[in-house]
Protein backbone atom coordinates (compact mmCIF):
# COMPACT_ATOMS: atom_id res chain seq x y z
CA UNK A 1 185.44 178.30 87.13
CA UNK A 2 185.44 175.39 89.15
CA UNK A 3 183.95 177.17 91.93
CA UNK A 4 181.09 178.56 89.74
CA UNK A 5 180.16 174.76 88.71
CA UNK A 6 179.85 173.94 92.45
CA UNK A 7 177.86 176.80 93.34
CA UNK A 8 175.36 176.07 90.26
CA UNK A 9 174.74 172.44 91.61
CA UNK A 10 173.93 173.37 94.97
CA UNK A 11 171.56 176.13 93.73
CA UNK A 12 169.64 173.52 91.67
CA UNK A 13 169.65 171.07 94.60
CA UNK A 14 168.03 173.92 96.71
CA UNK A 15 165.53 174.75 94.18
CA UNK A 16 164.26 171.05 94.07
CA UNK A 17 163.77 170.71 97.65
CA UNK A 18 161.96 173.92 97.80
CA UNK A 19 159.54 172.90 94.88
CA UNK A 20 158.90 169.70 96.95
CA UNK A 21 156.99 171.64 99.74
CA UNK A 22 153.26 173.15 99.07
CA UNK A 23 152.27 176.90 99.70
CA UNK A 24 151.80 175.70 103.33
CA UNK A 25 155.20 174.47 103.87
CA UNK A 26 154.24 170.86 104.78
CA UNK A 27 156.63 168.15 103.03
CA UNK A 28 155.42 166.24 100.11
CA UNK A 29 155.82 162.61 99.29
CA UNK A 30 158.26 162.03 96.44
CA UNK A 31 156.66 160.78 93.27
CA UNK A 32 159.87 159.06 92.59
CA UNK A 33 159.63 155.20 92.20
CA UNK A 34 163.08 154.85 93.12
CA UNK A 35 162.49 155.99 96.41
CA UNK A 36 159.34 153.73 97.47
CA UNK A 37 159.54 151.26 100.36
CA UNK A 38 159.46 147.28 99.60
CA UNK A 39 156.10 145.56 100.50
CA UNK A 40 155.38 144.27 103.94
CA UNK A 41 154.93 140.55 104.93
CA UNK A 42 151.23 139.44 104.60
CA UNK A 43 149.25 139.02 107.73
CA UNK A 44 147.70 136.10 109.56
CA UNK A 45 144.09 135.43 108.64
CA UNK A 46 141.53 136.31 110.96
CA UNK A 47 139.06 133.90 112.82
CA UNK A 48 136.03 132.76 110.94
CA UNK A 49 132.92 134.65 111.98
CA UNK A 50 129.97 133.11 113.97
CA UNK A 51 127.35 131.60 111.32
CA UNK A 52 124.29 133.79 111.09
CA UNK A 53 120.70 132.84 112.11
CA UNK A 54 118.36 130.95 110.07
CA UNK A 55 116.39 133.20 107.72
CA UNK A 56 112.54 133.46 108.28
CA UNK A 57 110.25 131.09 106.68
CA UNK A 58 109.03 131.83 103.46
CA UNK A 59 105.47 132.63 102.10
CA UNK A 60 103.09 129.65 101.78
CA UNK A 61 102.85 128.44 98.40
CA UNK A 62 99.93 128.04 96.32
CA UNK A 63 97.91 124.71 96.26
CA UNK A 64 99.16 122.34 93.43
CA UNK A 65 97.20 120.81 90.95
CA UNK A 66 95.60 117.51 91.68
CA UNK A 67 97.38 114.63 90.31
CA UNK A 68 95.98 111.94 87.81
CA UNK A 69 93.56 109.14 89.17
CA UNK A 70 95.72 105.88 89.63
CA UNK A 71 95.08 102.80 87.85
CA UNK A 72 92.38 100.78 89.18
CA UNK A 73 93.58 97.58 91.02
CA UNK A 74 92.64 94.07 90.30
CA UNK A 75 89.44 92.48 91.94
CA UNK A 76 90.32 90.18 94.94
CA UNK A 77 89.20 86.52 95.11
CA UNK A 78 85.63 85.93 96.60
CA UNK A 79 85.95 84.54 99.88
CA UNK A 80 84.08 81.54 101.35
CA UNK A 81 80.79 82.67 103.01
CA UNK A 82 81.23 81.86 106.77
CA UNK A 83 78.20 79.37 107.48
CA UNK A 84 76.92 79.74 111.09
CA UNK A 85 77.83 76.80 113.49
CA UNK A 86 75.86 76.69 116.74
CA UNK A 87 74.74 74.23 119.32
CA UNK A 88 72.32 74.06 122.44
CA UNK A 89 72.17 71.32 124.90
CA UNK A 90 69.70 71.68 127.55
CA UNK A 91 68.48 69.72 130.78
CA UNK A 92 65.12 70.03 132.93
CA UNK A 93 65.31 69.82 136.33
CA UNK A 94 68.99 68.71 136.95
CA UNK A 95 68.80 69.31 140.78
CA UNK A 96 72.56 68.76 140.95
CA UNK A 97 73.87 68.97 144.55
CA UNK A 98 77.36 68.39 143.72
CA UNK A 99 79.96 70.53 145.67
CA UNK A 100 82.94 69.79 143.40
CA UNK A 101 83.15 68.22 139.84
CA UNK A 102 81.44 68.22 136.57
CA UNK A 103 77.90 69.34 136.24
CA UNK A 104 76.94 69.03 132.57
CA UNK A 105 78.98 68.65 129.19
CA UNK A 106 78.12 69.06 125.49
CA UNK A 107 80.12 68.00 122.76
CA UNK A 108 80.83 70.26 119.58
CA UNK A 109 82.44 70.22 116.46
CA UNK A 110 84.62 73.05 115.47
CA UNK A 111 85.22 73.56 111.91
CA UNK A 112 88.17 76.14 111.72
CA UNK A 113 91.21 76.84 113.49
CA UNK A 114 91.24 80.59 113.31
CA UNK A 115 87.61 81.04 115.01
CA UNK A 116 86.57 81.56 118.43
CA UNK A 117 84.01 79.43 120.67
CA UNK A 118 81.18 81.46 122.54
CA UNK A 119 79.96 79.57 125.17
CA UNK A 120 77.05 80.27 127.51
CA UNK A 121 75.39 78.70 130.55
CA UNK A 122 71.91 79.75 131.91
CA UNK A 123 70.40 78.45 135.02
CA UNK A 124 70.24 78.74 138.81
CA UNK A 125 72.75 78.42 141.58
CA UNK A 126 72.98 78.06 145.40
CA UNK A 127 75.61 78.35 147.82
CA UNK A 128 74.66 77.50 151.43
CA UNK A 129 76.75 77.94 154.49
CA UNK A 130 76.21 79.12 158.19
CA UNK A 131 79.20 81.55 157.78
CA UNK A 132 80.78 83.41 154.75
CA UNK A 133 81.36 80.79 152.01
CA UNK A 134 82.19 81.07 148.17
CA UNK A 135 81.43 78.78 145.28
CA UNK A 136 82.74 78.96 141.66
CA UNK A 137 81.06 77.57 138.47
CA UNK A 138 82.99 77.47 135.48
CA UNK A 139 83.61 76.13 131.83
CA UNK A 140 86.33 73.78 130.57
CA UNK A 141 87.30 72.57 127.15
CA UNK A 142 88.43 69.01 126.99
CA UNK A 143 89.14 69.32 130.75
CA UNK A 144 91.31 72.51 130.53
CA UNK A 145 90.13 76.03 131.59
CA UNK A 146 90.29 78.95 128.82
CA UNK A 147 93.80 80.65 128.63
CA UNK A 148 93.01 83.06 125.90
CA UNK A 149 92.24 85.57 127.10
CA UNK A 150 90.86 84.17 130.50
CA UNK A 151 89.02 81.69 132.27
CA UNK A 152 85.00 81.80 131.98
CA UNK A 153 83.69 81.53 135.30
CA UNK A 154 81.40 83.18 137.91
CA UNK A 155 81.46 83.19 141.72
CA UNK A 156 78.93 83.36 144.55
CA UNK A 157 79.39 84.44 147.73
CA UNK A 158 77.12 84.15 150.68
CA UNK A 159 76.98 85.35 154.61
CA UNK A 160 74.10 83.27 156.11
CA UNK A 161 72.38 79.81 155.72
CA UNK A 162 69.49 81.13 153.77
CA UNK A 163 68.48 78.46 151.07
CA UNK A 164 68.20 80.87 148.22
CA UNK A 165 68.80 79.72 144.34
CA UNK A 166 69.89 82.67 142.09
CA UNK A 167 69.16 82.74 138.38
CA UNK A 168 72.23 83.54 136.46
CA UNK A 169 74.16 83.25 133.28
CA UNK A 170 77.91 82.49 132.62
CA UNK A 171 79.36 83.58 129.25
CA UNK A 172 82.50 84.23 127.57
CA UNK A 173 84.61 83.70 124.33
CA UNK A 174 87.67 81.58 124.07
CA UNK A 175 90.20 81.81 121.68
CA UNK A 176 92.99 79.34 120.30
CA UNK A 177 90.95 76.16 120.24
CA UNK A 178 92.06 73.91 117.19
CA UNK A 179 89.36 72.42 114.85
CA UNK A 180 87.92 69.27 115.56
CA UNK A 181 85.67 67.66 118.17
CA UNK A 182 85.72 69.55 121.44
CA UNK A 183 83.97 68.34 124.78
CA UNK A 184 82.82 71.69 126.74
CA UNK A 185 82.03 70.99 130.41
CA UNK A 186 80.35 72.98 133.15
CA UNK A 187 81.99 72.60 136.40
CA UNK A 188 81.59 73.51 140.23
CA UNK A 189 84.18 73.98 143.02
CA UNK A 190 83.85 74.89 146.44
CA UNK A 191 85.46 76.53 148.51
CA UNK A 192 87.02 79.49 146.82
CA UNK A 193 88.96 82.57 147.66
CA UNK A 194 90.10 80.93 151.09
CA UNK A 195 86.55 80.82 152.45
CA UNK A 196 84.94 77.81 154.18
CA UNK A 197 83.14 74.95 151.97
CA UNK A 198 79.63 75.60 151.07
CA UNK A 199 76.66 73.41 150.22
CA UNK A 200 76.49 74.17 146.50
CA UNK A 201 73.28 73.28 144.16
CA UNK A 202 72.88 73.65 140.40
CA UNK A 203 69.76 73.72 138.38
CA UNK A 204 66.88 73.51 140.84
CA UNK A 205 63.51 73.00 139.44
CA UNK A 206 64.23 74.66 136.30
CA UNK A 207 65.80 74.37 132.85
CA UNK A 208 69.55 74.49 132.55
CA UNK A 209 71.20 75.09 129.17
CA UNK A 210 74.43 75.39 127.42
CA UNK A 211 74.99 77.25 124.18
CA UNK A 212 77.89 76.65 121.99
CA UNK A 213 78.77 78.93 118.89
CA UNK A 214 81.76 79.11 116.59
CA UNK A 215 82.43 82.65 115.82
CA UNK A 216 84.67 84.58 113.34
CA UNK A 217 87.46 86.61 114.51
CA UNK A 218 87.75 90.14 113.13
CA UNK A 219 91.35 91.19 112.70
CA UNK A 220 92.27 94.42 114.89
């Protein structure tokens, strides 16, 4: 009796193993949860990928509506009108043979600190020498040459001893002169630029004039 029980158990095990194969004879995984393996250890996260390229520009949007008009600003105060301030000093036949020093001066009353002075000399000059020579005529303001932006002058250079008198004008603007009385002088000097001294002459047999004008400065 005991032998028969053992044989029956073996037969049942053999039948169970036989039913775990498919018709092709390949073994099949057991569906018994008691035979599953435990879960593995989680893996290490991978390296972050390279950022992608920028996307293409979108289509141009439609033009927006015009905004409402702003509030009108307050009217500015009326400025004071600029009153012309100009003066001329003139001399007939000054015939000045001076080689260095003051030729003529003209006093002017400058009204405003922020204006510029425009000065003009019109007359004739001569620089006489047997060789190459140079003579300079220039303006000063209360004894000083203009510094803003530059001196106001002219130079006459000759090579031969020809007694020729050249008509010419010297003109320029000078900034930075304060309001008040200004003595404006026209002067001569020789030699200049390293040349020998010349026999200078100013205003031969003609009218010489100095014109002075106060002019407003327009901001840049």
